[in-house]
PDB file of N, CA and C in Angstrom:
ATOM      1  N   TRP A   1     -29.962 -54.665 -17.887  1.00  0.00           N
ATOM      2  CA  TRP A   1     -30.280 -54.831 -16.499  1.00  0.00           C
ATOM      3  C   TRP A   1     -31.751 -55.199 -16.315  1.00  0.00           C
ATOM      4  N   TRP A   2     -32.643 -54.494 -16.987  1.00  0.00           N
ATOM      5  CA  TRP A   2     -34.076 -54.751 -16.838  1.00  0.00           C
ATOM      6  C   TRP A   2     -34.458 -56.145 -17.337  1.00  0.00           C
ATOM      7  N   LYS A   3     -33.818 -56.592 -18.405  1.00  0.00           N
ATOM      8  CA  LYS A   3     -34.099 -57.949 -18.905  1.00  0.00           C
ATOM      9  C   LYS A   3     -33.651 -58.987 -17.888  1.00  0.00           C
ATOM     10  N   SER A   4     -32.489 -58.803 -17.301  1.00  0.00           N
ATOM     11  CA  SER A   4     -31.993 -59.726 -16.272  1.00  0.00           C
ATOM     12  C   SER A   4     -32.912 -59.703 -15.054  1.00  0.00           C
ATOM     13  N   PHE A   5     -33.351 -58.518 -14.676  1.00  0.00           N
ATOM     14  CA  PHE A   5     -34.260 -58.371 -13.542  1.00  0.00           C
ATOM     15  C   PHE A   5     -35.578 -59.101 -13.808  1.00  0.00           C
ATOM     16  N   ALA A   6     -36.104 -58.943 -15.016  1.00  0.00           N
ATOM     17  CA  ALA A   6     -37.374 -59.589 -15.383  1.00  0.00           C
ATOM     18  C   ALA A   6     -37.290 -61.112 -15.229  1.00  0.00           C
ATOM     19  N   LYS A   7     -36.139 -61.680 -15.527  1.00  0.00           N
ATOM     20  CA  LYS A   7     -35.963 -63.132 -15.411  1.00  0.00           C
ATOM     21  C   LYS A   7     -36.024 -63.604 -13.961  1.00  0.00           C
ATOM     22  N   LEU A   8     -35.739 -62.735 -13.033  1.00  0.00           N
ATOM     23  CA  LEU A   8     -35.767 -63.074 -11.618  1.00  0.00           C
ATOM     24  C   LEU A   8     -37.169 -62.993 -11.013  1.00  0.00           C
ATOM     25  N   LEU A   9     -38.054 -62.272 -11.693  1.00  0.00           N
ATOM     26  CA  LEU A   9     -39.389 -62.040 -11.154  1.00  0.00           C
ATOM     27  C   LEU A   9     -40.331 -63.204 -11.423  1.00  0.00           C
ATOM     28  N   LYS A  10     -41.270 -63.372 -10.493  1.00  0.00           N
ATOM     29  CA  LYS A  10     -42.347 -64.349 -10.659  1.00  0.00           C
ATOM     30  C   LYS A  10     -43.599 -63.589 -11.062  1.00  0.00           C
ATOM     31  N   MET A  11     -44.570 -64.294 -11.564  1.00  0.00           N
ATOM     32  CA  MET A  11     -45.824 -63.640 -11.946  1.00  0.00           C
ATOM     33  C   MET A  11     -46.574 -63.112 -10.723  1.00  0.00           C
ATOM     34  N   THR A  12     -46.276 -63.607  -9.561  1.00  0.00           N
ATOM     35  CA  THR A  12     -46.942 -63.150  -8.339  1.00  0.00           C
ATOM     36  C   THR A  12     -46.277 -61.914  -7.739  1.00  0.00           C
ATOM     37  N   ASP A  13     -45.126 -61.519  -8.271  1.00  0.00           N
ATOM     38  CA  ASP A  13     -44.438 -60.317  -7.787  1.00  0.00           C
ATOM     39  C   ASP A  13     -45.151 -59.065  -8.290  1.00  0.00           C
ATOM     40  N   ARG A  14     -44.898 -57.962  -7.622  1.00  0.00           N
ATOM     41  CA  ARG A  14     -45.464 -56.677  -8.033  1.00  0.00           C
ATOM     42  C   ARG A  14     -44.354 -55.636  -7.972  1.00  0.00           C
ATOM     43  N   ILE A  15     -44.241 -54.847  -9.020  1.00  0.00           N
ATOM     44  CA  ILE A  15     -43.245 -53.776  -9.085  1.00  0.00           C
ATOM     45  C   ILE A  15     -43.983 -52.441  -9.051  1.00  0.00           C
ATOM     46  N   GLU A  16     -43.515 -51.564  -8.169  1.00  0.00           N
ATOM     47  CA  GLU A  16     -44.118 -50.237  -8.051  1.00  0.00           C
ATOM     48  C   GLU A  16     -43.076 -49.189  -8.435  1.00  0.00           C
ATOM     49  N   PHE A  17     -43.426 -48.379  -9.401  1.00  0.00           N
ATOM     50  CA  PHE A  17     -42.579 -47.263  -9.815  1.00  0.00           C
ATOM     51  C   PHE A  17     -43.107 -45.988  -9.155  1.00  0.00           C
ATOM     52  N   ALA A  18     -42.224 -45.191  -8.587  1.00  0.00           N
ATOM     53  CA  ALA A  18     -42.591 -43.900  -8.010  1.00  0.00           C
ATOM     54  C   ALA A  18     -42.170 -42.830  -9.005  1.00  0.00           C
ATOM     55  N   ILE A  19     -43.135 -42.369  -9.772  1.00  0.00           N
ATOM     56  CA  ILE A  19     -42.878 -41.370 -10.814  1.00  0.00           C
ATOM     57  C   ILE A  19     -43.840 -40.221 -10.555  1.00  0.00           C
ATOM     58  N   ASP A  20     -43.302 -39.062 -10.250  1.00  0.00           N
ATOM     59  CA  ASP A  20     -44.124 -37.946  -9.798  1.00  0.00           C
ATOM     60  C   ASP A  20     -44.212 -36.837 -10.826  1.00  0.00           C
ATOM     61  N   GLY A  21     -44.874 -37.124 -11.914  1.00  0.00           N
ATOM     62  CA  GLY A  21     -45.039 -36.146 -12.969  1.00  0.00           C
ATOM     63  C   GLY A  21     -44.668 -36.753 -14.306  1.00  0.00           C
ATOM     64  N   LEU A  22     -44.601 -35.911 -15.293  1.00  0.00           N
ATOM     65  CA  LEU A  22     -44.201 -36.332 -16.635  1.00  0.00           C
ATOM     66  C   LEU A  22     -42.786 -35.816 -16.889  1.00  0.00           C
ATOM     67  N   GLU A  23     -42.363 -35.872 -18.114  1.00  0.00           N
ATOM     68  CA  GLU A  23     -40.971 -35.555 -18.449  1.00  0.00           C
ATOM     69  C   GLU A  23     -40.503 -34.197 -17.914  1.00  0.00           C
ATOM     70  N   ASP A  24     -41.387 -33.211 -17.943  1.00  0.00           N
ATOM     71  CA  ASP A  24     -40.976 -31.862 -17.545  1.00  0.00           C
ATOM     72  C   ASP A  24     -41.122 -31.573 -16.049  1.00  0.00           C
ATOM     73  N   THR A  25     -41.680 -32.502 -15.265  1.00  0.00           N
ATOM     74  CA  THR A  25     -41.860 -32.230 -13.834  1.00  0.00           C
ATOM     75  C   THR A  25     -41.332 -33.328 -12.906  1.00  0.00           C
ATOM     76  N   ASN A  26     -41.182 -34.553 -13.381  1.00  0.00           N
ATOM     77  CA  ASN A  26     -40.772 -35.645 -12.493  1.00  0.00           C
ATOM     78  C   ASN A  26     -39.458 -35.341 -11.773  1.00  0.00           C
ATOM     79  N   HIS A  27     -38.522 -34.727 -12.456  1.00  0.00           N
ATOM     80  CA  HIS A  27     -37.198 -34.461 -11.882  1.00  0.00           C
ATOM     81  C   HIS A  27     -37.199 -33.404 -10.774  1.00  0.00           C
ATOM     82  N   ILE A  28     -38.284 -32.671 -10.612  1.00  0.00           N
ATOM     83  CA  ILE A  28     -38.314 -31.615  -9.598  1.00  0.00           C
ATOM     84  C   ILE A  28     -38.233 -32.220  -8.193  1.00  0.00           C
ATOM     85  N   TYR A  29     -38.976 -33.276  -7.935  1.00  0.00           N
ATOM     86  CA  TYR A  29     -38.892 -33.961  -6.651  1.00  0.00           C
ATOM     87  C   TYR A  29     -37.902 -35.121  -6.717  1.00  0.00           C
ATOM     88  N   ARG A  30     -37.929 -35.865  -7.803  1.00  0.00           N
ATOM     89  CA  ARG A  30     -37.018 -37.005  -7.988  1.00  0.00           C
ATOM     90  C   ARG A  30     -35.734 -36.480  -8.635  1.00  0.00           C
ATOM     91  N   VAL A  31     -34.962 -35.788  -7.841  1.00  0.00           N
ATOM     92  CA  VAL A  31     -33.741 -35.115  -8.314  1.00  0.00           C
ATOM     93  C   VAL A  31     -32.806 -36.120  -8.992  1.00  0.00           C
ATOM     94  N   ASN A  32     -32.246 -35.686 -10.103  1.00  0.00           N
ATOM     95  CA  ASN A  32     -31.310 -36.480 -10.913  1.00  0.00           C
ATOM     96  C   ASN A  32     -31.953 -37.656 -11.639  1.00  0.00           C
ATOM     97  N   SER A  33     -33.278 -37.725 -11.633  1.00  0.00           N
ATOM     98  CA  SER A  33     -33.917 -38.792 -12.416  1.00  0.00           C
ATOM     99  C   SER A  33     -33.791 -38.458 -13.896  1.00  0.00           C
ATOM    100  N   LYS A  34     -33.721 -39.485 -14.692  1.00  0.00           N
ATOM    101  CA  LYS A  34     -33.570 -39.335 -16.141  1.00  0.00           C
ATOM    102  C   LYS A  34     -34.804 -39.933 -16.811  1.00  0.00           C
ATOM    103  N   TRP A  35     -35.642 -39.084 -17.359  1.00  0.00           N
ATOM    104  CA  TRP A  35     -36.924 -39.503 -17.910  1.00  0.00           C
ATOM    105  C   TRP A  35     -36.788 -40.612 -18.946  1.00  0.00           C
ATOM    106  N   ASN A  36     -35.908 -40.439 -19.903  1.00  0.00           N
ATOM    107  CA  ASN A  36     -35.766 -41.444 -20.959  1.00  0.00           C
ATOM    108  C   ASN A  36     -35.328 -42.790 -20.392  1.00  0.00           C
ATOM    109  N   SER A  37     -34.500 -42.775 -19.383  1.00  0.00           N
ATOM    110  CA  SER A  37     -34.054 -44.006 -18.741  1.00  0.00           C
ATOM    111  C   SER A  37     -35.214 -44.685 -18.008  1.00  0.00           C
ATOM    112  N   ILE A  38     -36.037 -43.895 -17.343  1.00  0.00           N
ATOM    113  CA  ILE A  38     -37.208 -44.436 -16.641  1.00  0.00           C
ATOM    114  C   ILE A  38     -38.148 -45.104 -17.633  1.00  0.00           C
ATOM    115  N   VAL A  39     -38.496 -44.394 -18.690  1.00  0.00           N
ATOM    116  CA  VAL A  39     -39.436 -44.929 -19.686  1.00  0.00           C
ATOM    117  C   VAL A  39     -38.846 -46.165 -20.363  1.00  0.00           C
ATOM    118  N   ASN A  40     -37.571 -46.129 -20.690  1.00  0.00           N
ATOM    119  CA  ASN A  40     -36.916 -47.285 -21.299  1.00  0.00           C
ATOM    120  C   ASN A  40     -36.982 -48.495 -20.360  1.00  0.00           C
ATOM    121  N   GLY A  41     -36.727 -48.279 -19.083  1.00  0.00           N
ATOM    122  CA  GLY A  41     -36.798 -49.360 -18.108  1.00  0.00           C
ATOM    123  C   GLY A  41     -38.180 -49.954 -17.999  1.00  0.00           C
ATOM    124  N   ILE A  42     -39.188 -49.103 -17.973  1.00  0.00           N
ATOM    125  CA  ILE A  42     -40.577 -49.571 -17.895  1.00  0.00           C
ATOM    126  C   ILE A  42     -40.920 -50.404 -19.124  1.00  0.00           C
ATOM    127  N   LYS A  43     -40.599 -49.888 -20.290  1.00  0.00           N
ATOM    128  CA  LYS A  43     -40.916 -50.611 -21.532  1.00  0.00           C
ATOM    129  C   LYS A  43     -40.180 -51.944 -21.604  1.00  0.00           C
ATOM    130  N   THR A  44     -38.915 -51.941 -21.228  1.00  0.00           N
ATOM    131  CA  THR A  44     -38.128 -53.172 -21.276  1.00  0.00           C
ATOM    132  C   THR A  44     -38.671 -54.201 -20.287  1.00  0.00           C
ATOM    133  N   LEU A  45     -39.002 -53.742 -19.088  1.00  0.00           N
ATOM    134  CA  LEU A  45     -39.562 -54.667 -18.108  1.00  0.00           C
ATOM    135  C   LEU A  45     -40.888 -55.239 -18.602  1.00  0.00           C
ATOM    136  N   ARG A  46     -41.751 -54.384 -19.131  1.00  0.00           N
ATOM    137  CA  ARG A  46     -43.063 -54.847 -19.593  1.00  0.00           C
ATOM    138  C   ARG A  46     -42.924 -55.837 -20.756  1.00  0.00           C
ATOM    139  N   GLU A  47     -41.989 -55.618 -21.631  1.00  0.00           N
ATOM    140  CA  GLU A  47     -41.776 -56.526 -22.768  1.00  0.00           C
ATOM    141  C   GLU A  47     -41.264 -57.894 -22.321  1.00  0.00           C
ATOM    142  N   ASN A  48     -40.661 -57.958 -21.135  1.00  0.00           N
ATOM    143  CA  ASN A  48     -40.027 -59.185 -20.684  1.00  0.00           C
ATOM    144  C   ASN A  48     -40.677 -59.817 -19.452  1.00  0.00           C
ATOM    145  N   TRP A  49     -41.739 -59.212 -18.956  1.00  0.00           N
ATOM    146  CA  TRP A  49     -42.415 -59.731 -17.760  1.00  0.00           C
ATOM    147  C   TRP A  49     -43.837 -59.196 -17.743  1.00  0.00           C
ATOM    148  N   GLN A  50     -44.798 -60.062 -17.510  1.00  0.00           N
ATOM    149  CA  GLN A  50     -46.199 -59.657 -17.575  1.00  0.00           C
ATOM    150  C   GLN A  50     -46.878 -59.578 -16.211  1.00  0.00           C
ATOM    151  N   GLY A  51     -46.090 -59.499 -15.152  1.00  0.00           N
ATOM    152  CA  GLY A  51     -46.654 -59.375 -13.809  1.00  0.00           C
ATOM    153  C   GLY A  51     -47.234 -57.991 -13.562  1.00  0.00           C
ATOM    154  N   GLU A  52     -47.595 -57.745 -12.303  1.00  0.00           N
ATOM    155  CA  GLU A  52     -48.258 -56.493 -11.955  1.00  0.00           C
ATOM    156  C   GLU A  52     -47.267 -55.344 -11.768  1.00  0.00           C
ATOM    157  N   MET A  53     -47.502 -54.287 -12.533  1.00  0.00           N
ATOM    158  CA  MET A  53     -46.712 -53.058 -12.406  1.00  0.00           C
ATOM    159  C   MET A  53     -47.657 -51.928 -12.005  1.00  0.00           C
ATOM    160  N   MET A  54     -47.234 -51.146 -11.019  1.00  0.00           N
ATOM    161  CA  MET A  54     -48.042 -50.036 -10.554  1.00  0.00           C
ATOM    162  C   MET A  54     -47.225 -48.743 -10.611  1.00  0.00           C
ATOM    163  N   TRP A  55     -47.874 -47.663 -11.010  1.00  0.00           N
ATOM    164  CA  TRP A  55     -47.273 -46.331 -11.017  1.00  0.00           C
ATOM    165  C   TRP A  55     -47.867 -45.566  -9.839  1.00  0.00           C
ATOM    166  N   ARG A  56     -47.026 -45.210  -8.859  1.00  0.00           N
ATOM    167  CA  ARG A  56     -47.443 -44.361  -7.742  1.00  0.00           C
ATOM    168  C   ARG A  56     -47.008 -42.937  -8.059  1.00  0.00           C
ATOM    169  N   TYR A  57     -47.965 -42.044  -8.058  1.00  0.00           N
ATOM    170  CA  TYR A  57     -47.761 -40.655  -8.483  1.00  0.00           C
ATOM    171  C   TYR A  57     -48.060 -39.744  -7.295  1.00  0.00           C
ATOM    172  N   VAL A  58     -47.020 -39.154  -6.712  1.00  0.00           N
ATOM    173  CA  VAL A  58     -47.239 -38.211  -5.622  1.00  0.00           C
ATOM    174  C   VAL A  58     -47.614 -36.867  -6.233  1.00  0.00           C
ATOM    175  N   ILE A  59     -48.741 -36.336  -5.783  1.00  0.00           N
ATOM    176  CA  ILE A  59     -49.258 -35.077  -6.326  1.00  0.00           C
ATOM    177  C   ILE A  59     -48.692 -33.906  -5.528  1.00  0.00           C
ATOM    178  N   PHE A  60     -48.034 -33.024  -6.247  1.00  0.00           N
ATOM    179  CA  PHE A  60     -47.455 -31.806  -5.680  1.00  0.00           C
ATOM    180  C   PHE A  60     -48.070 -30.604  -6.391  1.00  0.00           C
ATOM    181  N   GLU A  61     -47.733 -29.420  -5.916  1.00  0.00           N
ATOM    182  CA  GLU A  61     -48.214 -28.193  -6.556  1.00  0.00           C
ATOM    183  C   GLU A  61     -47.733 -28.098  -8.002  1.00  0.00           C
ATOM    184  N   HIS A  62     -46.539 -28.588  -8.287  1.00  0.00           N
ATOM    185  CA  HIS A  62     -45.968 -28.439  -9.628  1.00  0.00           C
ATOM    186  C   HIS A  62     -46.403 -29.532 -10.615  1.00  0.00           C
ATOM    187  N   ASN A  63     -47.157 -30.537 -10.172  1.00  0.00           N
ATOM    188  CA  ASN A  63     -47.523 -31.608 -11.114  1.00  0.00           C
ATOM    189  C   ASN A  63     -48.994 -32.011 -11.084  1.00  0.00           C
ATOM    190  N   TYR A  64     -49.817 -31.365 -10.255  1.00  0.00           N
ATOM    191  CA  TYR A  64     -51.212 -31.793 -10.144  1.00  0.00           C
ATOM    192  C   TYR A  64     -51.946 -31.712 -11.475  1.00  0.00           C
ATOM    193  N   HIS A  65     -51.544 -30.785 -12.320  1.00  0.00           N
ATOM    194  CA  HIS A  65     -52.209 -30.588 -13.603  1.00  0.00           C
ATOM    195  C   HIS A  65     -51.918 -31.707 -14.612  1.00  0.00           C
ATOM    196  N   GLN A  66     -50.989 -32.609 -14.271  1.00  0.00           N
ATOM    197  CA  GLN A  66     -50.604 -33.680 -15.198  1.00  0.00           C
ATOM    198  C   GLN A  66     -51.166 -35.050 -14.824  1.00  0.00           C
ATOM    199  N   VAL A  67     -51.956 -35.127 -13.778  1.00  0.00           N
ATOM    200  CA  VAL A  67     -52.418 -36.423 -13.285  1.00  0.00           C
ATOM    201  C   VAL A  67     -53.169 -37.194 -14.373  1.00  0.00           C
ATOM    202  N   LEU A  68     -54.078 -36.554 -15.061  1.00  0.00           N
ATOM    203  CA  LEU A  68     -54.867 -37.257 -16.089  1.00  0.00           C
ATOM    204  C   LEU A  68     -53.996 -37.721 -17.255  1.00  0.00           C
ATOM    205  N   LYS A  69     -53.064 -36.878 -17.699  1.00  0.00           N
ATOM    206  CA  LYS A  69     -52.154 -37.283 -18.778  1.00  0.00           C
ATOM    207  C   LYS A  69     -51.260 -38.433 -18.333  1.00  0.00           C
ATOM    208  N   ALA A  70     -50.797 -38.370 -17.090  1.00  0.00           N
ATOM    209  CA  ALA A  70     -49.937 -39.440 -16.566  1.00  0.00           C
ATOM    210  C   ALA A  70     -50.714 -40.753 -16.476  1.00  0.00           C
ATOM    211  N   GLU A  71     -51.955 -40.677 -16.071  1.00  0.00           N
ATOM    212  CA  GLU A  71     -52.775 -41.885 -15.987  1.00  0.00           C
ATOM    213  C   GLU A  71     -52.942 -42.529 -17.370  1.00  0.00           C
ATOM    214  N   LYS A  72     -53.173 -41.704 -18.376  1.00  0.00           N
ATOM    215  CA  LYS A  72     -53.291 -42.209 -19.743  1.00  0.00           C
ATOM    216  C   LYS A  72     -51.963 -42.808 -20.212  1.00  0.00           C
ATOM    217  N   PHE A  73     -50.855 -42.139 -19.913  1.00  0.00           N
ATOM    218  CA  PHE A  73     -49.534 -42.628 -20.294  1.00  0.00           C
ATOM    219  C   PHE A  73     -49.232 -43.955 -19.594  1.00  0.00           C
ATOM    220  N   ALA A  74     -49.666 -44.077 -18.346  1.00  0.00           N
ATOM    221  CA  ALA A  74     -49.476 -45.322 -17.599  1.00  0.00           C
ATOM    222  C   ALA A  74     -50.158 -46.491 -18.329  1.00  0.00           C
ATOM    223  N   GLU A  75     -51.337 -46.260 -18.822  1.00  0.00           N
ATOM    224  CA  GLU A  75     -52.051 -47.294 -19.593  1.00  0.00           C
ATOM    225  C   GLU A  75     -51.266 -47.655 -20.853  1.00  0.00           C
ATOM    226  N   GLU A  76     -50.773 -46.634 -21.550  1.00  0.00           N
ATOM    227  CA  GLU A  76     -50.018 -46.867 -22.787  1.00  0.00           C
ATOM    228  C   GLU A  76     -48.749 -47.683 -22.527  1.00  0.00           C
ATOM    229  N   LEU A  77     -48.135 -47.476 -21.364  1.00  0.00           N
ATOM    230  CA  LEU A  77     -46.909 -48.188 -21.024  1.00  0.00           C
ATOM    231  C   LEU A  77     -47.173 -49.608 -20.507  1.00  0.00           C
ATOM    232  N   GLY A  78     -48.420 -49.924 -20.235  1.00  0.00           N
ATOM    233  CA  GLY A  78     -48.754 -51.270 -19.784  1.00  0.00           C
ATOM    234  C   GLY A  78     -48.848 -51.451 -18.282  1.00  0.00           C
ATOM    235  N   PHE A  79     -48.954 -50.351 -17.542  1.00  0.00           N
ATOM    236  CA  PHE A  79     -49.145 -50.470 -16.101  1.00  0.00           C
ATOM    237  C   PHE A  79     -50.506 -51.085 -15.805  1.00  0.00           C
ATOM    238  N   ASN A  80     -50.580 -51.877 -14.745  1.00  0.00           N
ATOM    239  CA  ASN A  80     -51.843 -52.463 -14.315  1.00  0.00           C
ATOM    240  C   ASN A  80     -52.633 -51.499 -13.436  1.00  0.00           C
ATOM    241  N   LYS A  81     -51.899 -50.649 -12.708  1.00  0.00           N
ATOM    242  CA  LYS A  81     -52.548 -49.710 -11.793  1.00  0.00           C
ATOM    243  C   LYS A  81     -51.829 -48.368 -11.834  1.00  0.00           C
ATOM    244  N   PHE A  82     -52.616 -47.325 -11.612  1.00  0.00           N
ATOM    245  CA  PHE A  82     -52.090 -45.972 -11.467  1.00  0.00           C
ATOM    246  C   PHE A  82     -52.652 -45.452 -10.152  1.00  0.00           C
ATOM    247  N   ARG A  83     -51.774 -45.076  -9.235  1.00  0.00           N
ATOM    248  CA  ARG A  83     -52.225 -44.669  -7.899  1.00  0.00           C
ATOM    249  C   ARG A  83     -51.713 -43.272  -7.561  1.00  0.00           C
ATOM    250  N   PRO A  84     -52.568 -42.260  -7.748  1.00  0.00           N
ATOM    251  CA  PRO A  84     -52.174 -40.911  -7.352  1.00  0.00           C
ATOM    252  C   PRO A  84     -52.391 -40.727  -5.846  1.00  0.00           C
ATOM    253  N   VAL A  85     -51.425 -40.099  -5.180  1.00  0.00           N
ATOM    254  CA  VAL A  85     -51.533 -39.822  -3.752  1.00  0.00           C
ATOM    255  C   VAL A  85     -51.064 -38.398  -3.488  1.00  0.00           C
ATOM    256  N   ILE A  86     -51.634 -37.787  -2.478  1.00  0.00           N
ATOM    257  CA  ILE A  86     -51.214 -36.449  -2.075  1.00  0.00           C
ATOM    258  C   ILE A  86     -49.926 -36.575  -1.268  1.00  0.00           C
ATOM    259  N   GLY A  87     -49.024 -35.606  -1.412  1.00  0.00           N
ATOM    260  CA  GLY A  87     -47.793 -35.602  -0.633  1.00  0.00           C
ATOM    261  C   GLY A  87     -48.094 -35.665   0.862  1.00  0.00           C
ATOM    262  N   ASP A  88     -47.093 -36.036   1.646  1.00  0.00           N
ATOM    263  CA  ASP A  88     -47.295 -36.206   3.083  1.00  0.00           C
ATOM    264  C   ASP A  88     -46.314 -35.351   3.874  1.00  0.00           C
ATOM    265  N   THR A  89     -46.031 -35.748   5.089  1.00  0.00           N
ATOM    266  CA  THR A  89     -45.165 -34.952   5.959  1.00  0.00           C
ATOM    267  C   THR A  89     -43.745 -34.818   5.435  1.00  0.00           C
ATOM    268  N   ARG A  90     -43.353 -35.680   4.493  1.00  0.00           N
ATOM    269  CA  ARG A  90     -42.014 -35.588   3.903  1.00  0.00           C
ATOM    270  C   ARG A  90     -41.945 -34.565   2.770  1.00  0.00           C
ATOM    271  N   THR A  91     -43.103 -34.064   2.355  1.00  0.00           N
ATOM    272  CA  THR A  91     -43.157 -33.124   1.230  1.00  0.00           C
ATOM    273  C   THR A  91     -42.515 -31.788   1.610  1.00  0.00           C
ATOM    274  N   PRO A  92     -41.555 -31.327   0.806  1.00  0.00           N
ATOM    275  CA  PRO A  92     -40.975 -30.006   1.073  1.00  0.00           C
ATOM    276  C   PRO A  92     -42.058 -28.928   1.045  1.00  0.00           C
ATOM    277  N   THR A  93     -41.947 -27.956   1.911  1.00  0.00           N
ATOM    278  CA  THR A  93     -42.960 -26.909   2.059  1.00  0.00           C
ATOM    279  C   THR A  93     -43.318 -26.246   0.734  1.00  0.00           C
ATOM    280  N   ASN A  94     -42.325 -25.992  -0.098  1.00  0.00           N
ATOM    281  CA  ASN A  94     -42.584 -25.293  -1.359  1.00  0.00           C
ATOM    282  C   ASN A  94     -43.265 -26.174  -2.403  1.00  0.00           C
ATOM    283  N   MET A  95     -43.423 -27.462  -2.123  1.00  0.00           N
ATOM    284  CA  MET A  95     -44.049 -28.369  -3.087  1.00  0.00           C
ATOM    285  C   MET A  95     -45.446 -28.814  -2.658  1.00  0.00           C
ATOM    286  N   ILE A  96     -45.878 -28.437  -1.468  1.00  0.00           N
ATOM    287  CA  ILE A  96     -47.182 -28.853  -0.951  1.00  0.00           C
ATOM    288  C   ILE A  96     -48.287 -28.343  -1.871  1.00  0.00           C
ATOM    289  N   LEU A  97     -49.218 -29.231  -2.176  1.00  0.00           N
ATOM    290  CA  LEU A  97     -50.357 -28.869  -3.022  1.00  0.00           C
ATOM    291  C   LEU A  97     -51.247 -27.878  -2.284  1.00  0.00           C
ATOM    292  N   ARG A  98     -51.436 -26.712  -2.886  1.00  0.00           N
ATOM    293  CA  ARG A  98     -52.265 -25.682  -2.259  1.00  0.00           C
ATOM    294  C   ARG A  98     -53.418 -25.231  -3.152  1.00  0.00           C
ATOM    295  N   SER A  99     -53.289 -25.365  -4.471  1.00  0.00           N
ATOM    296  CA  SER A  99     -54.304 -24.824  -5.373  1.00  0.00           C
ATOM    297  C   SER A  99     -55.538 -25.683  -5.527  1.00  0.00           C
ATOM    298  N   LYS A 100     -55.421 -26.956  -5.162  1.00  0.00           N
ATOM    299  CA  LYS A 100     -56.559 -27.874  -5.298  1.00  0.00           C
ATOM    300  C   LYS A 100     -56.650 -28.725  -4.049  1.00  0.00           C
ATOM    301  N   THR A 101     -57.840 -29.219  -3.811  1.00  0.00           N
ATOM    302  CA  THR A 101     -58.030 -30.166  -2.711  1.00  0.00           C
ATOM    303  C   THR A 101     -58.020 -31.576  -3.284  1.00  0.00           C
ATOM    304  N   TRP A 102     -57.886 -32.558  -2.408  1.00  0.00           N
ATOM    305  CA  TRP A 102     -57.947 -33.955  -2.843  1.00  0.00           C
ATOM    306  C   TRP A 102     -59.297 -34.227  -3.508  1.00  0.00           C
ATOM    307  N   LYS A 103     -60.356 -33.627  -2.989  1.00  0.00           N
ATOM    308  CA  LYS A 103     -61.688 -33.803  -3.582  1.00  0.00           C
ATOM    309  C   LYS A 103     -61.724 -33.257  -5.007  1.00  0.00           C
ATOM    310  N   ASP A 104     -61.114 -32.095  -5.239  1.00  0.00           N
ATOM    311  CA  ASP A 104     -61.045 -31.521  -6.588  1.00  0.00           C
ATOM    312  C   ASP A 104     -60.327 -32.465  -7.546  1.00  0.00           C
ATOM    313  N   ILE A 105     -59.220 -33.016  -7.092  1.00  0.00           N
ATOM    314  CA  ILE A 105     -58.432 -33.902  -7.944  1.00  0.00           C
ATOM    315  C   ILE A 105     -59.188 -35.190  -8.230  1.00  0.00           C
ATOM    316  N   GLN A 106     -59.858 -35.733  -7.233  1.00  0.00           N
ATOM    317  CA  GLN A 106     -60.667 -36.938  -7.451  1.00  0.00           C
ATOM    318  C   GLN A 106     -61.766 -36.668  -8.465  1.00  0.00           C
ATOM    319  N   TYR A 107     -62.351 -35.483  -8.400  1.00  0.00           N
ATOM    320  CA  TYR A 107     -63.382 -35.107  -9.367  1.00  0.00           C
ATOM    321  C   TYR A 107     -62.777 -35.035 -10.768  1.00  0.00           C
ATOM    322  N   ASP A 108     -61.595 -34.469 -10.881  1.00  0.00           N
ATOM    323  CA  ASP A 108     -60.913 -34.383 -12.172  1.00  0.00           C
ATOM    324  C   ASP A 108     -60.630 -35.765 -12.730  1.00  0.00           C
ATOM    325  N   LEU A 109     -60.311 -36.728 -11.853  1.00  0.00           N
ATOM    326  CA  LEU A 109     -59.985 -38.076 -12.287  1.00  0.00           C
ATOM    327  C   LEU A 109     -61.212 -38.891 -12.684  1.00  0.00           C
ATOM    328  N   SER A 110     -62.376 -38.480 -12.233  1.00  0.00           N
ATOM    329  CA  SER A 110     -63.584 -39.273 -12.553  1.00  0.00           C
ATOM    330  C   SER A 110     -64.176 -38.910 -13.890  1.00  0.00           C
TER     331      SER A 110
END
């Protein structure tokens, strides 16, 4: 599927993956996601298309500690951009980031 999809894309297209954590946390918000399938899809797409791929990472209480590792993994997978964002009004109450501020996380990323 990913190879067929890659053939449809132009170099001016941009693909954004919404992956909120690493193998042990992504499934908490992205229910029923399959980590190995996600990574396989990313690798297959990158091998068959060199356009812009971005990883959008929603930061929750259960995954804030993985932002730096995820950013490094994004580079290894061939992403052009890694964009961490704080959860918004759609974030379930029990997942809202409370232990760190956005400023703390930005400091960690620098």
